[in-house]
Amino acid sequence: MGVSRGGWRAEVRLSRAAAEAAAEALEALGLAVALKPAGRVCRVQAYGVGEPDPAALAAAFGTKVEIEPLPEVDWAARLQKDFPPIRIGRFFVHGSHFKGTPPKGAIAIRIDAGAAFGTGGHESTRACLQFLSRLPLAGKRVCDMGCGSAILAIAAAKRGATVLALDNDPQAVSVARENVVDNGVPGFVRVARADGWRGVAGEYDVVVENILARPVIRMAPALARHLAPGGVAVLAGFLTRDAARVLAAHRAEGLAGAGRIADGDWPALLVRRAARRRRGARALPSARRRAPRRGR
């Protein structure tokens, strides 16, 4: 990997609600997006390569933006600097540029920075990995909703789970499939494209949603329907100030708060379904009967 021409960046400061909406719209354009809290507003940054579309960017941001060209980059040196190996709970996340030996007893996950979100560098991803280090996952049925790079799906699979990894971005699905193969777990992780929970069948013992506050809240009823009795969900991808309304939306669906891990301004919440459903509630078909066969 050598020197490559740089891409471009666009940045706008928006209110919290506007920032979440812009991030969703920008991700739908296939762009890398970063949200950075700055007092009462958020800095929303979009990164891309090739020729930018100013009209599409203005529509996504809700305002005209200045597009800043990025310089040529020596990606090998940049990756060494910006994405050093990191120990997160039981996991050791590294890129292909890492040539050392993982710490003894650590579960190694190889993820390169690319077009899909999830390298272990973001606070929300780290908080989710902390939960996946602690939860009992062996033999469990897991759904990684909005999987991005599939880093969380791979982590769960390496701890013994069978995982369905879903994303609505075809580029992310492609990257996720490559990462699953590179990490040696194609028989334990099935990657598919999906528009949220629409068309998803079965129940899951563990669900991970590391997305944004608005879609996490919007999908709360569907998550509650697909969470098995006694199952838990890890919710992340939002700022601390949004945690209360995220938790309230899931409590309204009968899920109880069961834990919280915060990494800076980005918390991950654990919610749990009671071991028994309320009388009269209809259960979905068992997800275990639908689990992909190992090694397929």
C-alpha atoms as a PDB file:
ATOM      1  CA  MET A   1       0.000   0.000   0.000  1.00  0.00           C
ATOM      2  CA  GLY A   2       1.752   3.185  -1.121  1.00  0.00           C
ATOM      3  CA  VAL A   3       1.040   6.828  -1.753  1.00  0.00           C
ATOM      4  CA  SER A   4      -2.469   7.554  -2.981  1.00  0.00           C
ATOM      5  CA  ARG A   5      -4.256  10.713  -3.994  1.00  0.00           C
ATOM      6  CA  GLY A   6      -6.324  12.197  -1.225  1.00  0.00           C
ATOM      7  CA  GLY A   7     -10.066  12.619  -1.305  1.00  0.00           C
ATOM      8  CA  TRP A   8     -12.159  15.440   0.140  1.00  0.00           C
ATOM      9  CA  ARG A   9     -13.882  16.502   3.326  1.00  0.00           C
ATOM     10  CA  ALA A  10     -16.952  18.603   4.076  1.00  0.00           C
ATOM     11  CA  GLU A  11     -17.841  19.835   7.556  1.00  0.00           C
ATOM     12  CA  VAL A  12     -20.818  21.667   9.082  1.00  0.00           C
ATOM     13  CA  ARG A  13     -21.827  22.522  12.660  1.00  0.00           C
ATOM     14  CA  LEU A  14     -25.426  21.529  13.331  1.00  0.00           C
ATOM     15  CA  SER A  15     -27.814  21.076  16.224  1.00  0.00           C
ATOM     16  CA  ARG A  16     -28.061  17.627  17.775  1.00  0.00           C
ATOM     17  CA  ALA A  17     -31.225  16.612  15.904  1.00  0.00           C
ATOM     18  CA  ALA A  18     -30.019  18.070  12.615  1.00  0.00           C
ATOM     19  CA  ALA A  19     -26.651  16.339  13.015  1.00  0.00           C
ATOM     20  CA  GLU A  20     -28.284  12.923  13.389  1.00  0.00           C
ATOM     21  CA  ALA A  21     -30.468  13.490  10.329  1.00  0.00           C
ATOM     22  CA  ALA A  22     -27.480  14.676   8.293  1.00  0.00           C
ATOM     23  CA  ALA A  23     -25.402  11.667   9.355  1.00  0.00           C
ATOM     24  CA  GLU A  24     -28.127   9.288   8.193  1.00  0.00           C
ATOM     25  CA  ALA A  25     -28.413  11.060   4.837  1.00  0.00           C
ATOM     26  CA  LEU A  26     -24.648  11.157   4.321  1.00  0.00           C
ATOM     27  CA  GLU A  27     -24.241   7.476   5.142  1.00  0.00           C
ATOM     28  CA  ALA A  28     -26.967   6.719   2.599  1.00  0.00           C
ATOM     29  CA  LEU A  29     -24.693   8.395   0.012  1.00  0.00           C
ATOM     30  CA  GLY A  30     -21.961   5.901   0.896  1.00  0.00           C
ATOM     31  CA  LEU A  31     -19.766   8.461   2.662  1.00  0.00           C
ATOM     32  CA  ALA A  32     -17.706   8.060   5.798  1.00  0.00           C
ATOM     33  CA  VAL A  33     -19.215  10.246   8.541  1.00  0.00           C
ATOM     34  CA  ALA A  34     -17.886  11.520  11.856  1.00  0.00           C
ATOM     35  CA  LEU A  35     -19.912  13.249  14.590  1.00  0.00           C
ATOM     36  CA  LYS A  36     -17.900  15.357  17.041  1.00  0.00           C
ATOM     37  CA  PRO A  37     -19.690  17.076  19.946  1.00  0.00           C
ATOM     38  CA  ALA A  38     -18.773  20.747  20.324  1.00  0.00           C
ATOM     39  CA  GLY A  39     -20.768  22.300  23.165  1.00  0.00           C
ATOM     40  CA  ARG A  40     -24.435  22.546  22.210  1.00  0.00           C
ATOM     41  CA  VAL A  41     -23.788  21.619  18.589  1.00  0.00           C
ATOM     42  CA  CYS A  42     -22.128  18.790  16.674  1.00  0.00           C
ATOM     43  CA  ARG A  43     -19.446  18.993  14.040  1.00  0.00           C
ATOM     44  CA  VAL A  44     -20.603  16.729  11.217  1.00  0.00           C
ATOM     45  CA  GLN A  45     -17.801  15.663   8.887  1.00  0.00           C
ATOM     46  CA  ALA A  46     -18.203  13.747   5.641  1.00  0.00           C
ATOM     47  CA  TYR A  47     -15.286  12.148   3.818  1.00  0.00           C
ATOM     48  CA  GLY A  48     -15.221  10.853   0.264  1.00  0.00           C
ATOM     49  CA  VAL A  49     -13.056  10.078  -2.747  1.00  0.00           C
ATOM     50  CA  GLY A  50     -13.601  10.907  -6.394  1.00  0.00           C
ATOM     51  CA  GLU A  51     -15.659  13.834  -7.608  1.00  0.00           C
ATOM     52  CA  PRO A  52     -17.989  15.219  -4.877  1.00  0.00           C
ATOM     53  CA  ASP A  53     -21.603  16.123  -5.640  1.00  0.00           C
ATOM     54  CA  PRO A  54     -22.205  19.569  -4.058  1.00  0.00           C
ATOM     55  CA  ALA A  55     -25.975  19.400  -4.575  1.00  0.00           C
ATOM     56  CA  ALA A  56     -26.278  15.992  -2.904  1.00  0.00           C
ATOM     57  CA  LEU A  57     -24.069  17.140  -0.032  1.00  0.00           C
ATOM     58  CA  ALA A  58     -26.119  20.304   0.456  1.00  0.00           C
ATOM     59  CA  ALA A  59     -29.321  18.244   0.535  1.00  0.00           C
ATOM     60  CA  ALA A  60     -27.856  15.826   3.096  1.00  0.00           C
ATOM     61  CA  PHE A  61     -26.426  18.549   5.343  1.00  0.00           C
ATOM     62  CA  GLY A  62     -29.457  20.793   4.914  1.00  0.00           C
ATOM     63  CA  THR A  63     -27.233  23.690   3.918  1.00  0.00           C
ATOM     64  CA  LYS A  64     -24.535  24.611   1.424  1.00  0.00           C
ATOM     65  CA  VAL A  65     -21.079  23.361   2.345  1.00  0.00           C
ATOM     66  CA  GLU A  66     -17.511  24.076   1.419  1.00  0.00           C
ATOM     67  CA  ILE A  67     -15.657  21.033   0.139  1.00  0.00           C
ATOM     68  CA  GLU A  68     -12.041  20.822   1.207  1.00  0.00           C
ATOM     69  CA  PRO A  69      -9.609  18.701  -0.846  1.00  0.00           C
ATOM     70  CA  LEU A  70      -7.399  16.411   1.193  1.00  0.00           C
ATOM     71  CA  PRO A  71      -3.698  16.027   0.390  1.00  0.00           C
ATOM     72  CA  GLU A  72      -1.974  12.973  -0.969  1.00  0.00           C
ATOM     73  CA  VAL A  73      -1.409  10.467   1.799  1.00  0.00           C
ATOM     74  CA  ASP A  74       1.103   7.719   2.452  1.00  0.00           C
ATOM     75  CA  TRP A  75      -1.562   5.309   3.672  1.00  0.00           C
ATOM     76  CA  ALA A  76       0.900   2.772   5.086  1.00  0.00           C
ATOM     77  CA  ALA A  77       2.418   5.408   7.381  1.00  0.00           C
ATOM     78  CA  ARG A  78      -0.986   6.946   8.132  1.00  0.00           C
ATOM     79  CA  LEU A  79      -2.477   3.624   9.205  1.00  0.00           C
ATOM     80  CA  GLN A  80       0.443   2.950  11.517  1.00  0.00           C
ATOM     81  CA  LYS A  81      -0.163   6.319  13.174  1.00  0.00           C
ATOM     82  CA  ASP A  82      -3.973   6.583  13.196  1.00  0.00           C
ATOM     83  CA  PHE A  83      -4.938   2.921  13.684  1.00  0.00           C
ATOM     84  CA  PRO A  84      -2.467   1.351  16.095  1.00  0.00           C
ATOM     85  CA  PRO A  85      -3.398  -2.045  17.572  1.00  0.00           C
ATOM     86  CA  ILE A  86      -5.715  -1.676  20.546  1.00  0.00           C
ATOM     87  CA  ARG A  87      -6.718  -3.990  23.402  1.00  0.00           C
ATOM     88  CA  ILE A  88     -10.425  -3.718  24.203  1.00  0.00           C
ATOM     89  CA  GLY A  89     -11.630  -6.120  26.875  1.00  0.00           C
ATOM     90  CA  ARG A  90     -10.940  -9.659  25.657  1.00  0.00           C
ATOM     91  CA  PHE A  91     -10.241  -8.435  22.127  1.00  0.00           C
ATOM     92  CA  PHE A  92      -7.111  -7.234  20.340  1.00  0.00           C
ATOM     93  CA  VAL A  93      -8.073  -5.221  17.263  1.00  0.00           C
ATOM     94  CA  HIS A  94      -5.434  -4.576  14.622  1.00  0.00           C
ATOM     95  CA  GLY A  95      -5.036  -3.788  10.939  1.00  0.00           C
ATOM     96  CA  SER A  96      -3.193  -5.809   8.317  1.00  0.00           C
ATOM     97  CA  HIS A  97      -0.239  -3.434   8.782  1.00  0.00           C
ATOM     98  CA  PHE A  98       0.354  -4.927  12.256  1.00  0.00           C
ATOM     99  CA  LYS A  99       3.128  -7.538  12.065  1.00  0.00           C
ATOM    100  CA  GLY A 100       3.550  -8.272  15.751  1.00  0.00           C
ATOM    101  CA  THR A 101       2.100 -10.941  18.020  1.00  0.00           C
ATOM    102  CA  PRO A 102      -1.264 -10.423  19.785  1.00  0.00           C
ATOM    103  CA  PRO A 103      -1.128 -10.471  23.589  1.00  0.00           C
ATOM    104  CA  LYS A 104      -1.392 -13.911  25.130  1.00  0.00           C
ATOM    105  CA  GLY A 105      -5.009 -14.894  25.732  1.00  0.00           C
ATOM    106  CA  ALA A 106      -6.450 -12.053  23.635  1.00  0.00           C
ATOM    107  CA  ILE A 107      -8.960 -12.667  20.838  1.00  0.00           C
ATOM    108  CA  ALA A 108      -7.435 -11.110  17.715  1.00  0.00           C
ATOM    109  CA  ILE A 109      -9.651  -9.284  15.210  1.00  0.00           C
ATOM    110  CA  ARG A 110      -8.135  -7.947  11.987  1.00  0.00           C
ATOM    111  CA  ILE A 111      -9.956  -4.934  10.585  1.00  0.00           C
ATOM    112  CA  ASP A 112      -8.559  -2.388   8.131  1.00  0.00           C
ATOM    113  CA  ALA A 113      -9.835   1.181   7.885  1.00  0.00           C
ATOM    114  CA  GLY A 114     -12.049   1.385   4.818  1.00  0.00           C
ATOM    115  CA  ALA A 115     -15.443   2.259   3.449  1.00  0.00           C
ATOM    116  CA  ALA A 116     -17.421   0.664   6.296  1.00  0.00           C
ATOM    117  CA  PHE A 117     -17.726   1.987   9.860  1.00  0.00           C
ATOM    118  CA  GLY A 118     -16.040   0.007  12.600  1.00  0.00           C
ATOM    119  CA  THR A 119     -12.300  -0.230  13.216  1.00  0.00           C
ATOM    120  CA  GLY A 120     -12.360  -0.195  17.013  1.00  0.00           C
ATOM    121  CA  GLY A 121     -11.169   3.398  17.077  1.00  0.00           C
ATOM    122  CA  HIS A 122     -14.555   4.988  17.744  1.00  0.00           C
ATOM    123  CA  GLU A 123     -15.817   5.233  21.300  1.00  0.00           C
ATOM    124  CA  SER A 124     -19.177   3.616  20.545  1.00  0.00           C
ATOM    125  CA  THR A 125     -17.497   0.575  18.970  1.00  0.00           C
ATOM    126  CA  ARG A 126     -15.147   0.223  21.918  1.00  0.00           C
ATOM    127  CA  ALA A 127     -18.058   0.355  24.374  1.00  0.00           C
ATOM    128  CA  CYS A 128     -19.884  -2.379  22.425  1.00  0.00           C
ATOM    129  CA  LEU A 129     -16.761  -4.554  22.404  1.00  0.00           C
ATOM    130  CA  GLN A 130     -16.544  -4.161  26.183  1.00  0.00           C
ATOM    131  CA  PHE A 131     -20.072  -5.574  26.507  1.00  0.00           C
ATOM    132  CA  LEU A 132     -19.284  -8.396  24.056  1.00  0.00           C
ATOM    133  CA  SER A 133     -16.285  -9.231  26.254  1.00  0.00           C
ATOM    134  CA  ARG A 134     -18.520  -9.676  29.301  1.00  0.00           C
ATOM    135  CA  LEU A 135     -21.694 -11.276  27.969  1.00  0.00           C
ATOM    136  CA  PRO A 136     -21.968 -15.093  27.769  1.00  0.00           C
ATOM    137  CA  LEU A 137     -22.023 -15.700  23.997  1.00  0.00           C
ATOM    138  CA  ALA A 138     -21.106 -19.357  23.485  1.00  0.00           C
ATOM    139  CA  GLY A 139     -23.940 -21.071  21.637  1.00  0.00           C
ATOM    140  CA  LYS A 140     -25.987 -17.865  21.466  1.00  0.00           C
ATOM    141  CA  ARG A 141     -27.876 -16.536  18.445  1.00  0.00           C
ATOM    142  CA  VAL A 142     -26.712 -12.957  17.782  1.00  0.00           C
ATOM    143  CA  CYS A 143     -27.899 -10.254  15.382  1.00  0.00           C
ATOM    144  CA  ASP A 144     -25.562  -7.354  14.548  1.00  0.00           C
ATOM    145  CA  MET A 145     -27.923  -4.725  13.139  1.00  0.00           C
ATOM    146  CA  GLY A 146     -26.104  -2.079  11.089  1.00  0.00           C
ATOM    147  CA  CYS A 147     -22.937  -4.161  11.094  1.00  0.00           C
ATOM    148  CA  GLY A 148     -20.665  -1.851   9.078  1.00  0.00           C
ATOM    149  CA  SER A 149     -17.275  -3.570   8.919  1.00  0.00           C
ATOM    150  CA  ALA A 150     -18.694  -6.537  10.923  1.00  0.00           C
ATOM    151  CA  ILE A 151     -16.191  -5.999  13.731  1.00  0.00           C
ATOM    152  CA  LEU A 152     -18.862  -6.685  16.373  1.00  0.00           C
ATOM    153  CA  ALA A 153     -20.227  -9.711  14.515  1.00  0.00           C
ATOM    154  CA  ILE A 154     -16.707 -11.137  14.255  1.00  0.00           C
ATOM    155  CA  ALA A 155     -16.099 -10.497  17.961  1.00  0.00           C
ATOM    156  CA  ALA A 156     -19.287 -12.372  18.885  1.00  0.00           C
ATOM    157  CA  ALA A 157     -18.468 -15.258  16.539  1.00  0.00           C
ATOM    158  CA  LYS A 158     -14.975 -15.620  18.001  1.00  0.00           C
ATOM    159  CA  ARG A 159     -16.614 -16.044  21.399  1.00  0.00           C
ATOM    160  CA  GLY A 160     -18.762 -18.915  20.159  1.00  0.00           C
ATOM    161  CA  ALA A 161     -21.924 -17.246  18.828  1.00  0.00           C
ATOM    162  CA  THR A 162     -23.740 -17.770  15.533  1.00  0.00           C
ATOM    163  CA  VAL A 163     -24.295 -14.330  14.034  1.00  0.00           C
ATOM    164  CA  LEU A 164     -26.540 -12.668  11.487  1.00  0.00           C
ATOM    165  CA  ALA A 165     -24.886  -9.398  10.396  1.00  0.00           C
ATOM    166  CA  LEU A 166     -27.104  -6.891   8.572  1.00  0.00           C
ATOM    167  CA  ASP A 167     -26.542  -3.518   6.894  1.00  0.00           C
ATOM    168  CA  ASN A 168     -28.513  -1.415   4.414  1.00  0.00           C
ATOM    169  CA  ASP A 169     -25.361  -0.228   2.597  1.00  0.00           C
ATOM    170  CA  PRO A 170     -24.267  -2.648  -0.162  1.00  0.00           C
ATOM    171  CA  GLN A 171     -20.667  -1.432   0.116  1.00  0.00           C
ATOM    172  CA  ALA A 172     -20.639  -2.156   3.848  1.00  0.00           C
ATOM    173  CA  VAL A 173     -22.079  -5.621   3.179  1.00  0.00           C
ATOM    174  CA  SER A 174     -19.260  -6.317   0.725  1.00  0.00           C
ATOM    175  CA  VAL A 175     -16.595  -5.100   3.165  1.00  0.00           C
ATOM    176  CA  ALA A 176     -18.188  -7.078   6.017  1.00  0.00           C
ATOM    177  CA  ARG A 177     -18.123 -10.300   4.010  1.00  0.00           C
ATOM    178  CA  GLU A 178     -14.439  -9.819   3.235  1.00  0.00           C
ATOM    179  CA  ASN A 179     -13.648  -9.171   6.898  1.00  0.00           C
ATOM    180  CA  VAL A 180     -15.590 -12.246   8.008  1.00  0.00           C
ATOM    181  CA  VAL A 181     -13.515 -14.421   5.666  1.00  0.00           C
ATOM    182  CA  ASP A 182     -10.246 -12.704   6.636  1.00  0.00           C
ATOM    183  CA  ASN A 183     -10.978 -13.449  10.307  1.00  0.00           C
ATOM    184  CA  GLY A 184     -11.750 -17.104   9.700  1.00  0.00           C
ATOM    185  CA  VAL A 185     -15.404 -17.105  10.777  1.00  0.00           C
ATOM    186  CA  PRO A 186     -17.440 -17.461   7.551  1.00  0.00           C
ATOM    187  CA  GLY A 187     -19.168 -20.533   8.957  1.00  0.00           C
ATOM    188  CA  PHE A 188     -20.380 -18.607  11.989  1.00  0.00           C
ATOM    189  CA  VAL A 189     -21.377 -15.224  10.511  1.00  0.00           C
ATOM    190  CA  ARG A 190     -23.893 -14.678   7.731  1.00  0.00           C
ATOM    191  CA  VAL A 191     -23.836 -11.185   6.220  1.00  0.00           C
ATOM    192  CA  ALA A 192     -26.858  -9.843   4.367  1.00  0.00           C
ATOM    193  CA  ARG A 193     -28.314  -6.566   3.195  1.00  0.00           C
ATOM    194  CA  ALA A 194     -31.457  -5.459   5.033  1.00  0.00           C
ATOM    195  CA  ASP A 195     -33.504  -2.337   5.616  1.00  0.00           C
ATOM    196  CA  GLY A 196     -33.577  -2.468   9.387  1.00  0.00           C
ATOM    197  CA  TRP A 197     -35.621  -5.342  10.785  1.00  0.00           C
ATOM    198  CA  ARG A 198     -37.866  -5.531   7.730  1.00  0.00           C
ATOM    199  CA  GLY A 199     -37.908  -9.101   6.437  1.00  0.00           C
ATOM    200  CA  VAL A 200     -35.817 -10.468   9.322  1.00  0.00           C
ATOM    201  CA  ALA A 201     -37.163 -13.682  10.851  1.00  0.00           C
ATOM    202  CA  GLY A 202     -36.704 -15.307  14.227  1.00  0.00           C
ATOM    203  CA  GLU A 203     -35.607 -14.347  17.711  1.00  0.00           C
ATOM    204  CA  TYR A 204     -32.112 -13.582  18.965  1.00  0.00           C
ATOM    205  CA  ASP A 205     -30.441 -14.067  22.323  1.00  0.00           C
ATOM    206  CA  VAL A 206     -28.234 -11.008  21.814  1.00  0.00           C
ATOM    207  CA  VAL A 207     -28.730  -8.012  19.527  1.00  0.00           C
ATOM    208  CA  VAL A 208     -26.238  -5.233  18.880  1.00  0.00           C
ATOM    209  CA  GLU A 209     -27.338  -1.914  17.345  1.00  0.00           C
ATOM    210  CA  ASN A 210     -24.438   0.535  17.028  1.00  0.00           C
ATOM    211  CA  ILE A 211     -26.064   3.106  14.751  1.00  0.00           C
ATOM    212  CA  LEU A 212     -27.476   6.549  15.682  1.00  0.00           C
ATOM    213  CA  ALA A 213     -30.058   7.685  18.217  1.00  0.00           C
ATOM    214  CA  ARG A 214     -32.934   8.240  15.786  1.00  0.00           C
ATOM    215  CA  PRO A 215     -32.821   4.838  14.035  1.00  0.00           C
ATOM    216  CA  VAL A 216     -32.168   3.032  17.328  1.00  0.00           C
ATOM    217  CA  ILE A 217     -35.282   4.657  18.802  1.00  0.00           C
ATOM    218  CA  ARG A 218     -37.296   4.062  15.645  1.00  0.00           C
ATOM    219  CA  MET A 219     -36.452   0.344  15.636  1.00  0.00           C
ATOM    220  CA  ALA A 220     -37.251  -0.227  19.321  1.00  0.00           C
ATOM    221  CA  PRO A 221     -40.623  -1.963  18.683  1.00  0.00           C
ATOM    222  CA  ALA A 222     -39.082  -4.312  16.113  1.00  0.00           C
ATOM    223  CA  LEU A 223     -36.126  -5.060  18.357  1.00  0.00           C
ATOM    224  CA  ALA A 224     -38.498  -5.967  21.193  1.00  0.00           C
ATOM    225  CA  ARG A 225     -40.335  -8.399  18.899  1.00  0.00           C
ATOM    226  CA  HIS A 226     -37.114 -10.117  17.822  1.00  0.00           C
ATOM    227  CA  LEU A 227     -35.424 -10.348  21.225  1.00  0.00           C
ATOM    228  CA  ALA A 228     -35.829 -13.798  22.759  1.00  0.00           C
ATOM    229  CA  PRO A 229     -37.133 -14.148  26.327  1.00  0.00           C
ATOM    230  CA  GLY A 230     -34.223 -13.438  28.647  1.00  0.00           C
ATOM    231  CA  GLY A 231     -32.292 -11.933  25.731  1.00  0.00           C
ATOM    232  CA  VAL A 232     -30.263  -8.722  25.842  1.00  0.00           C
ATOM    233  CA  ALA A 233     -29.511  -5.912  23.402  1.00  0.00           C
ATOM    234  CA  VAL A 234     -26.522  -3.568  23.280  1.00  0.00           C
ATOM    235  CA  LEU A 235     -27.535  -0.109  22.041  1.00  0.00           C
ATOM    236  CA  ALA A 236     -24.929   2.453  20.972  1.00  0.00           C
ATOM    237  CA  GLY A 237     -23.953   5.047  18.400  1.00  0.00           C
ATOM    238  CA  PHE A 238     -25.450   8.066  20.195  1.00  0.00           C
ATOM    239  CA  LEU A 239     -24.216  10.752  22.568  1.00  0.00           C
ATOM    240  CA  THR A 240     -24.641  10.717  26.349  1.00  0.00           C
ATOM    241  CA  ARG A 241     -27.359  13.358  26.201  1.00  0.00           C
ATOM    242  CA  ASP A 242     -29.488  11.034  24.017  1.00  0.00           C
ATOM    243  CA  ALA A 243     -29.169   8.001  26.289  1.00  0.00           C
ATOM    244  CA  ALA A 244     -32.252   8.784  28.401  1.00  0.00           C
ATOM    245  CA  ARG A 245     -34.635   8.974  25.450  1.00  0.00           C
ATOM    246  CA  VAL A 246     -33.104   5.847  23.872  1.00  0.00           C
ATOM    247  CA  LEU A 247     -33.653   3.943  27.117  1.00  0.00           C
ATOM    248  CA  ALA A 248     -37.197   5.350  27.516  1.00  0.00           C
ATOM    249  CA  ALA A 249     -38.141   4.157  24.009  1.00  0.00           C
ATOM    250  CA  HIS A 250     -37.070   0.606  24.844  1.00  0.00           C
ATOM    251  CA  ARG A 251     -38.652   0.600  28.291  1.00  0.00           C
ATOM    252  CA  ALA A 252     -41.922   1.483  26.558  1.00  0.00           C
ATOM    253  CA  GLU A 253     -41.553  -1.801  24.653  1.00  0.00           C
ATOM    254  CA  GLY A 254     -41.124  -3.849  27.835  1.00  0.00           C
ATOM    255  CA  LEU A 255     -37.308  -3.937  27.921  1.00  0.00           C
ATOM    256  CA  ALA A 256     -35.512  -3.090  31.157  1.00  0.00           C
ATOM    257  CA  GLY A 257     -32.220  -1.275  31.521  1.00  0.00           C
ATOM    258  CA  ALA A 258     -29.531  -3.737  32.579  1.00  0.00           C
ATOM    259  CA  GLY A 259     -26.218  -1.926  32.284  1.00  0.00           C
ATOM    260  CA  ARG A 260     -24.222   0.917  30.821  1.00  0.00           C
ATOM    261  CA  ILE A 261     -20.646   1.391  29.621  1.00  0.00           C
ATOM    262  CA  ALA A 262     -19.478   4.871  28.661  1.00  0.00           C
ATOM    263  CA  ASP A 263     -16.428   5.704  26.586  1.00  0.00           C
ATOM    264  CA  GLY A 264     -16.171   9.477  26.606  1.00  0.00           C
ATOM    265  CA  ASP A 265     -19.409  11.020  25.305  1.00  0.00           C
ATOM    266  CA  TRP A 266     -20.538   7.766  23.657  1.00  0.00           C
ATOM    267  CA  PRO A 267     -22.368   5.322  25.976  1.00  0.00           C
ATOM    268  CA  ALA A 268     -23.521   1.800  25.242  1.00  0.00           C
ATOM    269  CA  LEU A 269     -26.701   0.673  26.980  1.00  0.00           C
ATOM    270  CA  LEU A 270     -27.723  -2.880  27.807  1.00  0.00           C
ATOM    271  CA  VAL A 271     -31.437  -3.673  27.834  1.00  0.00           C
ATOM    272  CA  ARG A 272     -33.013  -7.000  28.719  1.00  0.00           C
ATOM    273  CA  ARG A 273     -36.261  -8.804  27.995  1.00  0.00           C
ATOM    274  CA  ALA A 274     -37.874 -10.680  30.841  1.00  0.00           C
ATOM    275  CA  ALA A 275     -37.373 -14.439  30.810  1.00  0.00           C
ATOM    276  CA  ARG A 276     -41.097 -14.911  30.193  1.00  0.00           C
ATOM    277  CA  ARG A 277     -43.294 -12.953  27.822  1.00  0.00           C
ATOM    278  CA  ARG A 278     -46.426 -11.205  28.985  1.00  0.00           C
ATOM    279  CA  ARG A 279     -49.553 -13.339  28.791  1.00  0.00           C
ATOM    280  CA  GLY A 280     -51.122 -13.062  25.361  1.00  0.00           C
ATOM    281  CA  ALA A 281     -47.914 -11.947  23.622  1.00  0.00           C
ATOM    282  CA  ARG A 282     -47.233 -14.076  20.555  1.00  0.00           C
ATOM    283  CA  ALA A 283     -43.702 -15.416  20.208  1.00  0.00           C
ATOM    284  CA  LEU A 284     -41.914 -15.481  16.888  1.00  0.00           C
ATOM    285  CA  PRO A 285     -40.598 -18.792  15.508  1.00  0.00           C
ATOM    286  CA  SER A 286     -37.424 -19.851  17.275  1.00  0.00           C
ATOM    287  CA  ALA A 287     -34.338 -18.315  15.710  1.00  0.00           C
ATOM    288  CA  ARG A 288     -32.293 -21.339  16.710  1.00  0.00           C
ATOM    289  CA  ARG A 289     -34.108 -23.461  14.135  1.00  0.00           C
ATOM    290  CA  ARG A 290     -33.145 -20.868  11.531  1.00  0.00           C
ATOM    291  CA  ALA A 291     -29.505 -20.538  12.506  1.00  0.00           C
ATOM    292  CA  PRO A 292     -27.061 -21.075   9.606  1.00  0.00           C
ATOM    293  CA  ARG A 293     -25.156 -24.310   9.786  1.00  0.00           C
ATOM    294  CA  ARG A 294     -21.590 -23.954  10.945  1.00  0.00           C
ATOM    295  CA  GLY A 295     -19.157 -24.243   8.090  1.00  0.00           C
ATOM    296  CA  ARG A 296     -21.755 -23.584   5.387  1.00  0.00           C
END
